[in-house]
Amino acid sequence: MDRITATKTARLAEECAQKFKLSDKVKKAIALTNREAFVPTGFKHNAYKLDALPMGSAQWISSPLTVAKMTEYLEPEGADRVLEIGCGSGYQAAVLSHLFRGVFTIERIESLMLEAKARFRALGIGNIHTRTDDGQNGWSQYAPYDRILFSASAKAIPQKLFDQLREGGILVAPMQVGAKQIIVKFKKNGSKIEKIELEACDFVPVLDGVQK
């Protein structure tokens, strides 16, 4: 990352931290991630604003503040592997790559996945593993995961995803509750899943199947 970009991302991380209490590690992960690389060309001038931005296939790249919050809610400290449902532009996965040894991210829209992979390659990020699939299936091959993150809103969390979460693990997801969406943190304790509602949010919905 060149000096100008590094200054911009550091300022962005600072702005996020002023609006929401971030741990030093999460703040640093935001500062180390080149947001501009994940924003469509026509929106480069808006890359460092705290806004969600449109990208292809009727999808959105989340606001940096939302990404920072979701990352903080995961409690990444001491966790090794994270599964992300809904890769989108790849920005959230890139932030996670600074905090986890292994990031496993799934995207159902093939063109978005190919673009995200190209970005990871260009940025030299080597610890993100990608897959085009319906994220609701999870990725059992590399389970169990310490953390699971939904980057799209879900009406319900499939049992198979809780099965892929390790004992004591945390799953964070925007949940559709009636007409509104709420970020919910789930903690796995044996056969019991503890559920904590955090705050209102606005994400694109999880959809079934794969889009070629």
N, C-alpha and C. Protein backbone atom coordinates (compact mmCIF):
# COMPACT_ATOMS: atom_id res chain seq x y z
N MET A 1 0.85 -1.19 0.00
CA MET A 1 0.00 0.00 0.00
C MET A 1 0.89 1.25 0.00
N ASP A 2 0.62 2.19 -0.93
CA ASP A 2 1.45 3.40 -0.97
C ASP A 2 1.12 4.31 0.22
N ARG A 3 1.93 5.34 0.39
CA ARG A 3 1.80 6.18 1.59
C ARG A 3 0.47 6.92 1.65
N ILE A 4 0.01 7.42 0.50
CA ILE A 4 -1.26 8.16 0.46
C ILE A 4 -2.41 7.25 0.86
N THR A 5 -2.44 6.04 0.29
CA THR A 5 -3.51 5.08 0.61
C THR A 5 -3.44 4.69 2.08
N ALA A 6 -2.23 4.47 2.57
CA ALA A 6 -2.05 4.09 3.98
C ALA A 6 -2.58 5.18 4.91
N THR A 7 -2.37 6.44 4.53
CA THR A 7 -2.86 7.56 5.33
C THR A 7 -4.39 7.58 5.32
N LYS A 8 -4.96 7.34 4.13
CA LYS A 8 -6.44 7.34 4.00
C LYS A 8 -7.07 6.21 4.80
N THR A 9 -6.48 5.01 4.72
CA THR A 9 -7.07 3.87 5.45
C THR A 9 -6.91 4.05 6.96
N ALA A 10 -5.79 4.66 7.37
CA ALA A 10 -5.58 4.93 8.81
C ALA A 10 -6.63 5.92 9.31
N ARG A 11 -6.93 6.92 8.48
CA ARG A 11 -7.93 7.92 8.85
C ARG A 11 -9.32 7.27 8.92
N LEU A 12 -9.58 6.39 7.97
CA LEU A 12 -10.87 5.66 7.95
C LEU A 12 -11.04 4.82 9.23
N ALA A 13 -9.98 4.14 9.61
CA ALA A 13 -10.02 3.31 10.83
C ALA A 13 -10.28 4.18 12.05
N GLU A 14 -9.66 5.36 12.07
CA GLU A 14 -9.82 6.30 13.18
C GLU A 14 -11.27 6.78 13.26
N GLU A 15 -11.84 7.08 12.09
CA GLU A 15 -13.23 7.54 12.02
C GLU A 15 -14.20 6.47 12.53
N CYS A 16 -13.96 5.23 12.13
CA CYS A 16 -14.79 4.10 12.60
C CYS A 16 -14.69 3.98 14.12
N ALA A 17 -13.48 4.10 14.63
CA ALA A 17 -13.23 3.94 16.07
C ALA A 17 -13.87 5.06 16.89
N GLN A 18 -14.03 6.23 16.26
CA GLN A 18 -14.69 7.34 16.97
C GLN A 18 -16.19 7.08 17.11
N LYS A 19 -16.76 6.34 16.15
CA LYS A 19 -18.20 6.09 16.17
C LYS A 19 -18.57 4.83 16.93
N PHE A 20 -17.60 3.91 17.06
CA PHE A 20 -17.88 2.62 17.69
C PHE A 20 -16.58 2.13 18.32
N LYS A 21 -16.65 1.70 19.58
CA LYS A 21 -15.42 1.30 20.28
C LYS A 21 -14.82 0.05 19.63
N LEU A 22 -13.61 0.19 19.11
CA LEU A 22 -12.92 -0.93 18.45
C LEU A 22 -11.69 -1.34 19.26
N SER A 23 -11.41 -2.62 19.25
CA SER A 23 -10.15 -3.08 19.85
C SER A 23 -9.01 -2.61 18.95
N ASP A 24 -7.82 -2.54 19.49
CA ASP A 24 -6.67 -2.08 18.70
C ASP A 24 -6.45 -2.96 17.47
N LYS A 25 -6.67 -4.28 17.65
CA LYS A 25 -6.42 -5.22 16.53
C LYS A 25 -7.41 -5.01 15.38
N VAL A 26 -8.68 -4.80 15.72
CA VAL A 26 -9.68 -4.60 14.67
C VAL A 26 -9.43 -3.26 13.97
N LYS A 27 -9.11 -2.24 14.76
CA LYS A 27 -8.81 -0.92 14.18
C LYS A 27 -7.62 -1.02 13.22
N LYS A 28 -6.62 -1.78 13.63
CA LYS A 28 -5.43 -1.96 12.79
C LYS A 28 -5.78 -2.72 11.50
N ALA A 29 -6.66 -3.72 11.61
CA ALA A 29 -7.06 -4.51 10.44
C ALA A 29 -7.77 -3.61 9.41
N ILE A 30 -8.60 -2.69 9.90
CA ILE A 30 -9.27 -1.73 8.99
C ILE A 30 -8.20 -0.83 8.35
N ALA A 31 -7.25 -0.37 9.15
CA ALA A 31 -6.19 0.53 8.65
C ALA A 31 -5.29 -0.16 7.62
N LEU A 32 -5.16 -1.49 7.73
CA LEU A 32 -4.27 -2.23 6.81
C LEU A 32 -4.96 -2.68 5.53
N THR A 33 -6.28 -2.46 5.43
CA THR A 33 -7.02 -2.97 4.27
C THR A 33 -7.32 -1.85 3.29
N ASN A 34 -6.85 -2.02 2.06
CA ASN A 34 -7.02 -1.02 1.01
C ASN A 34 -8.45 -1.04 0.49
N ARG A 35 -9.31 -0.20 1.07
CA ARG A 35 -10.73 -0.22 0.69
C ARG A 35 -10.93 0.14 -0.78
N GLU A 36 -10.11 1.03 -1.27
CA GLU A 36 -10.24 1.47 -2.67
C GLU A 36 -10.21 0.30 -3.64
N ALA A 37 -9.42 -0.73 -3.31
CA ALA A 37 -9.28 -1.88 -4.20
C ALA A 37 -10.59 -2.68 -4.33
N PHE A 38 -11.53 -2.46 -3.40
CA PHE A 38 -12.76 -3.25 -3.39
C PHE A 38 -13.98 -2.46 -3.87
N VAL A 39 -13.76 -1.22 -4.23
CA VAL A 39 -14.86 -0.33 -4.61
C VAL A 39 -14.90 -0.22 -6.13
N PRO A 40 -16.11 -0.26 -6.77
CA PRO A 40 -16.18 -0.12 -8.22
C PRO A 40 -15.52 1.19 -8.69
N THR A 41 -14.94 1.15 -9.87
CA THR A 41 -14.14 2.27 -10.39
C THR A 41 -14.82 3.62 -10.24
N GLY A 42 -16.08 3.70 -10.58
CA GLY A 42 -16.79 4.98 -10.53
C GLY A 42 -17.00 5.53 -9.13
N PHE A 43 -16.71 4.73 -8.12
CA PHE A 43 -16.95 5.17 -6.74
C PHE A 43 -15.66 5.35 -5.94
N LYS A 44 -14.53 5.34 -6.63
CA LYS A 44 -13.24 5.44 -5.92
C LYS A 44 -13.19 6.66 -5.00
N HIS A 45 -13.80 7.77 -5.47
CA HIS A 45 -13.77 9.01 -4.67
C HIS A 45 -14.57 8.87 -3.36
N ASN A 46 -15.45 7.86 -3.32
CA ASN A 46 -16.25 7.65 -2.10
C ASN A 46 -15.71 6.51 -1.24
N ALA A 47 -14.56 5.95 -1.63
CA ALA A 47 -14.05 4.73 -0.97
C ALA A 47 -13.85 4.91 0.53
N TYR A 48 -13.50 6.14 0.94
CA TYR A 48 -13.15 6.34 2.35
C TYR A 48 -14.25 7.03 3.15
N LYS A 49 -15.45 7.06 2.58
CA LYS A 49 -16.59 7.58 3.33
C LYS A 49 -17.24 6.42 4.08
N LEU A 50 -17.95 6.75 5.16
CA LEU A 50 -18.58 5.68 5.94
C LEU A 50 -19.93 5.29 5.35
N ASP A 51 -19.96 5.08 4.03
CA ASP A 51 -21.21 4.73 3.35
C ASP A 51 -21.10 3.36 2.70
N ALA A 52 -22.27 2.70 2.60
CA ALA A 52 -22.33 1.49 1.76
C ALA A 52 -22.33 1.97 0.31
N LEU A 53 -21.74 1.19 -0.59
CA LEU A 53 -21.68 1.58 -2.01
C LEU A 53 -22.20 0.45 -2.90
N PRO A 54 -22.89 0.80 -3.99
CA PRO A 54 -23.38 -0.25 -4.89
C PRO A 54 -22.24 -0.91 -5.66
N MET A 55 -22.40 -2.20 -5.95
CA MET A 55 -21.46 -2.87 -6.86
C MET A 55 -22.31 -3.77 -7.76
N GLY A 56 -21.70 -4.60 -8.57
CA GLY A 56 -22.45 -5.39 -9.55
C GLY A 56 -23.45 -6.37 -8.94
N SER A 57 -24.30 -6.93 -9.81
CA SER A 57 -25.26 -7.99 -9.44
C SER A 57 -26.21 -7.58 -8.31
N ALA A 58 -26.62 -6.30 -8.31
CA ALA A 58 -27.58 -5.77 -7.33
C ALA A 58 -27.11 -5.98 -5.89
N GLN A 59 -25.78 -5.96 -5.70
CA GLN A 59 -25.22 -6.15 -4.36
C GLN A 59 -24.59 -4.84 -3.88
N TRP A 60 -24.28 -4.80 -2.59
CA TRP A 60 -23.67 -3.60 -2.00
C TRP A 60 -22.40 -3.98 -1.27
N ILE A 61 -21.44 -3.06 -1.27
CA ILE A 61 -20.26 -3.24 -0.42
C ILE A 61 -20.59 -2.50 0.87
N SER A 62 -20.55 -3.20 1.99
CA SER A 62 -20.96 -2.62 3.28
C SER A 62 -20.14 -1.40 3.64
N SER A 63 -20.73 -0.54 4.43
CA SER A 63 -20.00 0.62 4.94
C SER A 63 -18.82 0.13 5.79
N PRO A 64 -17.69 0.84 5.77
CA PRO A 64 -16.53 0.42 6.57
C PRO A 64 -16.89 0.31 8.06
N LEU A 65 -17.80 1.17 8.51
CA LEU A 65 -18.20 1.14 9.92
C LEU A 65 -18.93 -0.17 10.24
N THR A 66 -19.81 -0.60 9.31
CA THR A 66 -20.53 -1.87 9.50
C THR A 66 -19.54 -3.04 9.53
N VAL A 67 -18.57 -3.01 8.61
CA VAL A 67 -17.55 -4.07 8.56
C VAL A 67 -16.75 -4.10 9.87
N ALA A 68 -16.40 -2.92 10.37
CA ALA A 68 -15.64 -2.83 11.63
C ALA A 68 -16.46 -3.40 12.79
N LYS A 69 -17.76 -3.03 12.83
CA LYS A 69 -18.64 -3.53 13.90
C LYS A 69 -18.78 -5.05 13.84
N MET A 70 -19.08 -5.57 12.65
CA MET A 70 -19.28 -7.03 12.50
C MET A 70 -18.01 -7.77 12.92
N THR A 71 -16.86 -7.21 12.54
CA THR A 71 -15.57 -7.82 12.89
C THR A 71 -15.38 -7.82 14.41
N GLU A 72 -15.71 -6.71 15.04
CA GLU A 72 -15.58 -6.59 16.50
C GLU A 72 -16.53 -7.56 17.21
N TYR A 73 -17.75 -7.68 16.70
CA TYR A 73 -18.74 -8.58 17.32
C TYR A 73 -18.30 -10.05 17.27
N LEU A 74 -17.44 -10.37 16.29
CA LEU A 74 -16.94 -11.75 16.17
C LEU A 74 -15.99 -12.13 17.31
N GLU A 75 -15.48 -11.12 18.02
CA GLU A 75 -14.47 -11.34 19.07
C GLU A 75 -13.30 -12.17 18.51
N PRO A 76 -12.56 -11.60 17.54
CA PRO A 76 -11.53 -12.38 16.85
C PRO A 76 -10.34 -12.80 17.71
N GLU A 77 -10.14 -12.12 18.82
CA GLU A 77 -8.99 -12.43 19.68
C GLU A 77 -8.95 -13.92 20.04
N GLY A 78 -7.83 -14.58 19.74
CA GLY A 78 -7.67 -15.99 20.11
C GLY A 78 -8.34 -16.98 19.18
N ALA A 79 -9.03 -16.47 18.13
CA ALA A 79 -9.68 -17.38 17.17
C ALA A 79 -8.79 -17.55 15.94
N ASP A 80 -8.88 -18.72 15.33
CA ASP A 80 -7.93 -19.12 14.30
C ASP A 80 -8.55 -19.14 12.89
N ARG A 81 -9.77 -19.69 12.80
CA ARG A 81 -10.40 -19.88 11.49
C ARG A 81 -11.80 -19.28 11.48
N VAL A 82 -12.10 -18.56 10.40
CA VAL A 82 -13.42 -17.94 10.28
C VAL A 82 -14.03 -18.31 8.94
N LEU A 83 -15.33 -18.57 8.96
CA LEU A 83 -16.09 -18.84 7.73
C LEU A 83 -16.99 -17.64 7.48
N GLU A 84 -16.93 -17.09 6.26
CA GLU A 84 -17.80 -15.97 5.91
C GLU A 84 -18.81 -16.42 4.87
N ILE A 85 -20.08 -16.11 5.13
CA ILE A 85 -21.15 -16.43 4.18
C ILE A 85 -21.49 -15.14 3.44
N GLY A 86 -21.15 -15.06 2.16
CA GLY A 86 -21.42 -13.86 1.37
C GLY A 86 -20.18 -13.00 1.20
N CYS A 87 -19.32 -13.39 0.28
CA CYS A 87 -18.04 -12.70 0.10
C CYS A 87 -18.22 -11.31 -0.51
N GLY A 88 -19.16 -11.19 -1.45
CA GLY A 88 -19.39 -9.88 -2.10
C GLY A 88 -18.13 -9.37 -2.75
N SER A 89 -17.75 -8.14 -2.43
CA SER A 89 -16.55 -7.53 -3.03
C SER A 89 -15.27 -8.14 -2.48
N GLY A 90 -15.37 -8.77 -1.29
CA GLY A 90 -14.19 -9.33 -0.65
C GLY A 90 -13.60 -8.43 0.43
N TYR A 91 -14.18 -7.24 0.62
CA TYR A 91 -13.61 -6.28 1.59
C TYR A 91 -13.65 -6.83 3.02
N GLN A 92 -14.79 -7.39 3.42
CA GLN A 92 -14.88 -7.95 4.78
C GLN A 92 -13.86 -9.08 4.97
N ALA A 93 -13.75 -9.96 3.98
CA ALA A 93 -12.79 -11.08 4.07
C ALA A 93 -11.35 -10.55 4.19
N ALA A 94 -11.05 -9.48 3.45
CA ALA A 94 -9.70 -8.90 3.49
C ALA A 94 -9.39 -8.35 4.89
N VAL A 95 -10.40 -7.71 5.51
CA VAL A 95 -10.21 -7.22 6.88
C VAL A 95 -9.97 -8.41 7.81
N LEU A 96 -10.76 -9.46 7.66
CA LEU A 96 -10.62 -10.66 8.51
C LEU A 96 -9.26 -11.33 8.33
N SER A 97 -8.69 -11.20 7.12
CA SER A 97 -7.41 -11.87 6.83
C SER A 97 -6.26 -11.35 7.71
N HIS A 98 -6.45 -10.16 8.29
CA HIS A 98 -5.41 -9.60 9.19
C HIS A 98 -5.59 -10.11 10.62
N LEU A 99 -6.71 -10.80 10.88
CA LEU A 99 -7.04 -11.20 12.26
C LEU A 99 -7.10 -12.70 12.46
N PHE A 100 -7.28 -13.44 11.37
CA PHE A 100 -7.41 -14.91 11.44
C PHE A 100 -6.34 -15.56 10.58
N ARG A 101 -5.90 -16.72 11.01
CA ARG A 101 -4.90 -17.45 10.21
C ARG A 101 -5.53 -17.96 8.91
N GLY A 102 -6.77 -18.42 9.01
CA GLY A 102 -7.47 -18.92 7.82
C GLY A 102 -8.85 -18.28 7.68
N VAL A 103 -9.11 -17.67 6.51
CA VAL A 103 -10.42 -17.09 6.21
C VAL A 103 -11.03 -17.92 5.07
N PHE A 104 -12.21 -18.45 5.31
CA PHE A 104 -12.91 -19.27 4.31
C PHE A 104 -14.17 -18.50 3.92
N THR A 105 -14.26 -18.09 2.66
CA THR A 105 -15.39 -17.24 2.27
C THR A 105 -16.14 -17.84 1.09
N ILE A 106 -17.46 -17.79 1.17
CA ILE A 106 -18.34 -18.39 0.16
C ILE A 106 -19.19 -17.31 -0.48
N GLU A 107 -19.34 -17.36 -1.79
CA GLU A 107 -20.18 -16.42 -2.53
C GLU A 107 -21.01 -17.19 -3.54
N ARG A 108 -22.31 -16.88 -3.63
CA ARG A 108 -23.19 -17.63 -4.54
C ARG A 108 -23.17 -17.07 -5.96
N ILE A 109 -22.70 -15.82 -6.12
CA ILE A 109 -22.67 -15.21 -7.46
C ILE A 109 -21.25 -15.36 -8.02
N GLU A 110 -21.15 -16.20 -9.03
CA GLU A 110 -19.83 -16.59 -9.54
C GLU A 110 -18.98 -15.40 -9.99
N SER A 111 -19.59 -14.43 -10.68
CA SER A 111 -18.82 -13.28 -11.19
C SER A 111 -18.22 -12.48 -10.04
N LEU A 112 -18.98 -12.33 -8.94
CA LEU A 112 -18.45 -11.59 -7.77
C LEU A 112 -17.28 -12.34 -7.15
N MET A 113 -17.40 -13.66 -7.10
CA MET A 113 -16.33 -14.47 -6.49
C MET A 113 -15.04 -14.34 -7.31
N LEU A 114 -15.18 -14.39 -8.64
CA LEU A 114 -14.00 -14.28 -9.52
C LEU A 114 -13.33 -12.91 -9.34
N GLU A 115 -14.15 -11.86 -9.24
CA GLU A 115 -13.59 -10.51 -9.04
C GLU A 115 -12.88 -10.41 -7.68
N ALA A 116 -13.52 -10.96 -6.65
CA ALA A 116 -12.92 -10.91 -5.30
C ALA A 116 -11.59 -11.66 -5.29
N LYS A 117 -11.56 -12.83 -5.93
CA LYS A 117 -10.32 -13.63 -5.98
C LYS A 117 -9.20 -12.84 -6.66
N ALA A 118 -9.54 -12.14 -7.73
CA ALA A 118 -8.55 -11.33 -8.46
C ALA A 118 -8.01 -10.23 -7.55
N ARG A 119 -8.90 -9.63 -6.73
CA ARG A 119 -8.46 -8.58 -5.80
C ARG A 119 -7.51 -9.15 -4.75
N PHE A 120 -7.88 -10.30 -4.19
CA PHE A 120 -7.01 -10.92 -3.16
C PHE A 120 -5.63 -11.20 -3.74
N ARG A 121 -5.63 -11.70 -4.99
CA ARG A 121 -4.35 -12.01 -5.66
C ARG A 121 -3.52 -10.75 -5.85
N ALA A 122 -4.18 -9.70 -6.37
CA ALA A 122 -3.48 -8.43 -6.64
C ALA A 122 -2.91 -7.82 -5.37
N LEU A 123 -3.60 -8.03 -4.25
CA LEU A 123 -3.15 -7.46 -2.97
C LEU A 123 -2.19 -8.40 -2.23
N GLY A 124 -1.97 -9.59 -2.82
CA GLY A 124 -1.04 -10.54 -2.20
C GLY A 124 -1.55 -11.15 -0.91
N ILE A 125 -2.89 -11.29 -0.79
CA ILE A 125 -3.46 -11.91 0.42
C ILE A 125 -3.52 -13.43 0.18
N GLY A 126 -2.77 -14.17 0.98
CA GLY A 126 -2.66 -15.61 0.73
C GLY A 126 -3.45 -16.52 1.66
N ASN A 127 -4.12 -15.95 2.67
CA ASN A 127 -4.79 -16.82 3.65
C ASN A 127 -6.31 -16.81 3.53
N ILE A 128 -6.82 -16.37 2.35
CA ILE A 128 -8.27 -16.41 2.11
C ILE A 128 -8.56 -17.54 1.13
N HIS A 129 -9.46 -18.44 1.53
CA HIS A 129 -9.87 -19.57 0.69
C HIS A 129 -11.28 -19.30 0.19
N THR A 130 -11.50 -19.43 -1.12
CA THR A 130 -12.78 -19.02 -1.70
C THR A 130 -13.54 -20.20 -2.29
N ARG A 131 -14.86 -20.04 -2.34
CA ARG A 131 -15.71 -21.10 -2.91
C ARG A 131 -17.00 -20.47 -3.44
N THR A 132 -17.41 -20.90 -4.64
CA THR A 132 -18.70 -20.46 -5.17
C THR A 132 -19.73 -21.53 -4.81
N ASP A 133 -20.69 -21.16 -3.98
CA ASP A 133 -21.70 -22.12 -3.52
C ASP A 133 -22.80 -21.36 -2.80
N ASP A 134 -23.87 -22.05 -2.47
CA ASP A 134 -24.90 -21.50 -1.60
C ASP A 134 -24.31 -21.53 -0.18
N GLY A 135 -24.05 -20.35 0.37
CA GLY A 135 -23.38 -20.25 1.66
C GLY A 135 -24.11 -20.94 2.80
N GLN A 136 -25.42 -21.17 2.61
CA GLN A 136 -26.20 -21.79 3.68
C GLN A 136 -25.78 -23.24 3.92
N ASN A 137 -25.00 -23.78 2.96
CA ASN A 137 -24.46 -25.14 3.15
C ASN A 137 -23.21 -25.12 4.02
N GLY A 138 -22.62 -23.93 4.20
CA GLY A 138 -21.35 -23.86 4.90
C GLY A 138 -20.25 -24.50 4.05
N TRP A 139 -19.16 -24.91 4.71
CA TRP A 139 -18.02 -25.51 4.01
C TRP A 139 -17.46 -26.57 4.95
N SER A 140 -18.11 -27.73 4.92
CA SER A 140 -17.86 -28.77 5.95
C SER A 140 -16.42 -29.31 5.90
N GLN A 141 -15.81 -29.24 4.73
CA GLN A 141 -14.46 -29.79 4.54
C GLN A 141 -13.45 -29.22 5.55
N TYR A 142 -13.61 -27.93 5.89
CA TYR A 142 -12.63 -27.28 6.77
C TYR A 142 -13.18 -27.00 8.18
N ALA A 143 -14.38 -27.50 8.45
CA ALA A 143 -14.98 -27.31 9.78
C ALA A 143 -14.21 -28.15 10.80
N PRO A 144 -14.27 -27.83 12.09
CA PRO A 144 -15.08 -26.75 12.67
C PRO A 144 -14.37 -25.40 12.61
N TYR A 145 -15.19 -24.34 12.58
CA TYR A 145 -14.69 -22.97 12.56
C TYR A 145 -14.82 -22.35 13.95
N ASP A 146 -13.87 -21.48 14.28
CA ASP A 146 -13.95 -20.76 15.56
C ASP A 146 -15.03 -19.69 15.49
N ARG A 147 -15.17 -19.11 14.28
CA ARG A 147 -16.15 -18.04 14.08
C ARG A 147 -16.83 -18.22 12.73
N ILE A 148 -18.10 -17.81 12.66
CA ILE A 148 -18.83 -17.78 11.38
C ILE A 148 -19.50 -16.42 11.28
N LEU A 149 -19.37 -15.79 10.10
CA LEU A 149 -19.95 -14.46 9.90
C LEU A 149 -20.84 -14.47 8.66
N PHE A 150 -22.06 -13.99 8.83
CA PHE A 150 -22.95 -13.78 7.69
C PHE A 150 -22.79 -12.34 7.23
N SER A 151 -22.50 -12.15 5.95
CA SER A 151 -22.42 -10.80 5.40
C SER A 151 -23.68 -10.49 4.59
N ALA A 152 -24.76 -11.23 4.85
CA ALA A 152 -26.07 -10.99 4.25
C ALA A 152 -27.11 -11.40 5.28
N SER A 153 -28.30 -10.81 5.21
CA SER A 153 -29.28 -11.07 6.27
C SER A 153 -29.99 -12.41 6.06
N ALA A 154 -30.23 -13.11 7.16
CA ALA A 154 -30.84 -14.44 7.11
C ALA A 154 -32.15 -14.46 7.89
N LYS A 155 -33.10 -15.27 7.43
CA LYS A 155 -34.34 -15.43 8.19
C LYS A 155 -34.12 -16.43 9.32
N ALA A 156 -33.26 -17.40 9.05
CA ALA A 156 -32.92 -18.42 10.06
C ALA A 156 -31.52 -18.92 9.76
N ILE A 157 -30.84 -19.43 10.79
CA ILE A 157 -29.50 -20.01 10.59
C ILE A 157 -29.66 -21.52 10.44
N PRO A 158 -29.23 -22.09 9.30
CA PRO A 158 -29.36 -23.54 9.12
C PRO A 158 -28.57 -24.30 10.20
N GLN A 159 -29.14 -25.38 10.68
CA GLN A 159 -28.50 -26.20 11.72
C GLN A 159 -27.10 -26.65 11.28
N LYS A 160 -26.94 -26.92 9.98
CA LYS A 160 -25.63 -27.42 9.51
C LYS A 160 -24.52 -26.40 9.76
N LEU A 161 -24.86 -25.11 9.83
CA LEU A 161 -23.84 -24.10 10.13
C LEU A 161 -23.46 -24.13 11.61
N PHE A 162 -24.44 -24.32 12.48
CA PHE A 162 -24.11 -24.47 13.90
C PHE A 162 -23.28 -25.74 14.11
N ASP A 163 -23.56 -26.77 13.29
CA ASP A 163 -22.77 -28.01 13.38
C ASP A 163 -21.32 -27.78 12.97
N GLN A 164 -21.09 -26.79 12.09
CA GLN A 164 -19.73 -26.51 11.62
C GLN A 164 -18.99 -25.51 12.52
N LEU A 165 -19.68 -25.05 13.56
CA LEU A 165 -19.09 -24.11 14.50
C LEU A 165 -18.51 -24.90 15.67
N ARG A 166 -17.28 -24.58 16.06
CA ARG A 166 -16.69 -25.36 17.14
C ARG A 166 -17.35 -25.03 18.48
N GLU A 167 -17.17 -25.91 19.43
CA GLU A 167 -17.68 -25.70 20.79
C GLU A 167 -17.14 -24.37 21.33
N GLY A 168 -18.01 -23.54 21.87
CA GLY A 168 -17.58 -22.23 22.38
C GLY A 168 -17.43 -21.19 21.29
N GLY A 169 -17.71 -21.58 20.04
CA GLY A 169 -17.55 -20.65 18.91
C GLY A 169 -18.66 -19.62 18.84
N ILE A 170 -18.43 -18.60 18.01
CA ILE A 170 -19.38 -17.49 17.86
C ILE A 170 -19.80 -17.35 16.41
N LEU A 171 -21.10 -17.17 16.19
CA LEU A 171 -21.64 -16.89 14.86
C LEU A 171 -22.34 -15.54 14.93
N VAL A 172 -22.01 -14.64 14.01
CA VAL A 172 -22.65 -13.32 13.97
C VAL A 172 -23.40 -13.19 12.65
N ALA A 173 -24.67 -12.77 12.73
CA ALA A 173 -25.48 -12.66 11.51
C ALA A 173 -26.51 -11.55 11.63
N PRO A 174 -26.73 -10.81 10.53
CA PRO A 174 -27.87 -9.90 10.48
C PRO A 174 -29.11 -10.77 10.29
N MET A 175 -30.08 -10.66 11.19
CA MET A 175 -31.28 -11.51 11.11
C MET A 175 -32.50 -10.67 10.73
N GLN A 176 -33.33 -11.24 9.85
CA GLN A 176 -34.59 -10.60 9.48
C GLN A 176 -35.59 -10.88 10.60
N VAL A 177 -35.99 -9.84 11.32
CA VAL A 177 -36.96 -10.01 12.41
C VAL A 177 -38.16 -9.13 12.07
N GLY A 178 -39.22 -9.78 11.55
CA GLY A 178 -40.38 -9.01 11.08
C GLY A 178 -39.95 -8.11 9.94
N ALA A 179 -40.25 -6.80 10.07
CA ALA A 179 -39.91 -5.86 8.99
C ALA A 179 -38.50 -5.31 9.12
N LYS A 180 -37.84 -5.62 10.26
CA LYS A 180 -36.50 -5.02 10.43
C LYS A 180 -35.40 -6.08 10.51
N GLN A 181 -34.18 -5.59 10.44
CA GLN A 181 -33.01 -6.48 10.55
C GLN A 181 -32.23 -6.14 11.82
N ILE A 182 -31.78 -7.19 12.50
CA ILE A 182 -31.02 -7.00 13.73
C ILE A 182 -29.76 -7.87 13.68
N ILE A 183 -28.62 -7.29 14.06
CA ILE A 183 -27.39 -8.10 14.14
C ILE A 183 -27.49 -8.94 15.41
N VAL A 184 -27.32 -10.25 15.23
CA VAL A 184 -27.44 -11.18 16.36
C VAL A 184 -26.15 -11.97 16.51
N LYS A 185 -25.71 -12.11 17.76
CA LYS A 185 -24.52 -12.92 18.05
C LYS A 185 -24.99 -14.22 18.70
N PHE A 186 -24.56 -15.35 18.14
CA PHE A 186 -24.90 -16.68 18.69
C PHE A 186 -23.64 -17.30 19.29
N LYS A 187 -23.75 -17.85 20.48
CA LYS A 187 -22.61 -18.56 21.08
C LYS A 187 -23.01 -20.01 21.28
N LYS A 188 -22.12 -20.91 20.88
CA LYS A 188 -22.42 -22.35 20.97
C LYS A 188 -21.90 -22.93 22.28
N ASN A 189 -22.82 -23.39 23.11
CA ASN A 189 -22.45 -24.06 24.36
C ASN A 189 -23.11 -25.44 24.37
N GLY A 190 -22.33 -26.45 23.97
CA GLY A 190 -22.89 -27.81 23.89
C GLY A 190 -24.04 -27.81 22.90
N SER A 191 -25.19 -28.34 23.31
CA SER A 191 -26.33 -28.38 22.39
C SER A 191 -27.14 -27.09 22.48
N LYS A 192 -26.70 -26.20 23.36
CA LYS A 192 -27.43 -24.95 23.58
C LYS A 192 -26.79 -23.81 22.77
N ILE A 193 -27.64 -23.02 22.14
CA ILE A 193 -27.14 -21.85 21.42
C ILE A 193 -27.65 -20.60 22.14
N GLU A 194 -26.72 -19.84 22.66
CA GLU A 194 -27.07 -18.59 23.35
C GLU A 194 -27.18 -17.49 22.29
N LYS A 195 -28.19 -16.63 22.44
CA LYS A 195 -28.49 -15.64 21.39
C LYS A 195 -28.53 -14.24 22.00
N ILE A 196 -27.74 -13.31 21.43
CA ILE A 196 -27.71 -11.94 21.93
C ILE A 196 -28.03 -10.99 20.78
N GLU A 197 -29.09 -10.20 20.94
CA GLU A 197 -29.44 -9.21 19.91
C GLU A 197 -28.62 -7.95 20.14
N LEU A 198 -27.99 -7.43 19.08
CA LEU A 198 -27.05 -6.32 19.24
C LEU A 198 -27.59 -4.98 18.77
N GLU A 199 -27.91 -4.86 17.48
CA GLU A 199 -28.39 -3.56 16.99
C GLU A 199 -29.08 -3.72 15.65
N ALA A 200 -29.86 -2.71 15.29
CA ALA A 200 -30.54 -2.72 13.99
C ALA A 200 -29.51 -2.54 12.87
N CYS A 201 -29.81 -3.06 11.67
CA CYS A 201 -28.86 -2.98 10.56
C CYS A 201 -29.62 -3.05 9.24
N ASP A 202 -28.88 -3.03 8.14
CA ASP A 202 -29.51 -3.12 6.82
C ASP A 202 -28.55 -3.83 5.86
N PHE A 203 -28.85 -5.09 5.55
CA PHE A 203 -28.02 -5.90 4.66
C PHE A 203 -28.87 -6.46 3.52
N VAL A 204 -28.22 -6.83 2.42
CA VAL A 204 -28.95 -7.55 1.36
C VAL A 204 -29.29 -8.94 1.90
N PRO A 205 -30.38 -9.56 1.43
CA PRO A 205 -30.77 -10.86 1.98
C PRO A 205 -29.93 -12.03 1.45
N VAL A 206 -29.83 -13.08 2.25
CA VAL A 206 -29.25 -14.34 1.80
C VAL A 206 -30.23 -14.95 0.79
N LEU A 207 -29.72 -15.40 -0.35
CA LEU A 207 -30.58 -16.05 -1.34
C LEU A 207 -30.14 -17.49 -1.54
N ASP A 208 -31.06 -18.32 -2.03
CA ASP A 208 -30.76 -19.74 -2.24
C ASP A 208 -30.03 -19.96 -3.57
N GLY A 209 -29.27 -21.06 -3.60
CA GLY A 209 -28.69 -21.49 -4.87
C GLY A 209 -27.47 -20.69 -5.29
N VAL A 210 -26.98 -21.02 -6.49
CA VAL A 210 -25.77 -20.38 -7.05
C VAL A 210 -26.18 -19.65 -8.32
N GLN A 211 -25.59 -18.48 -8.54
CA GLN A 211 -25.88 -17.69 -9.75
C GLN A 211 -24.63 -17.68 -10.61
N LYS A 212 -24.74 -18.30 -11.78
CA LYS A 212 -23.58 -18.37 -12.69
C LYS A 212 -23.49 -17.09 -13.51
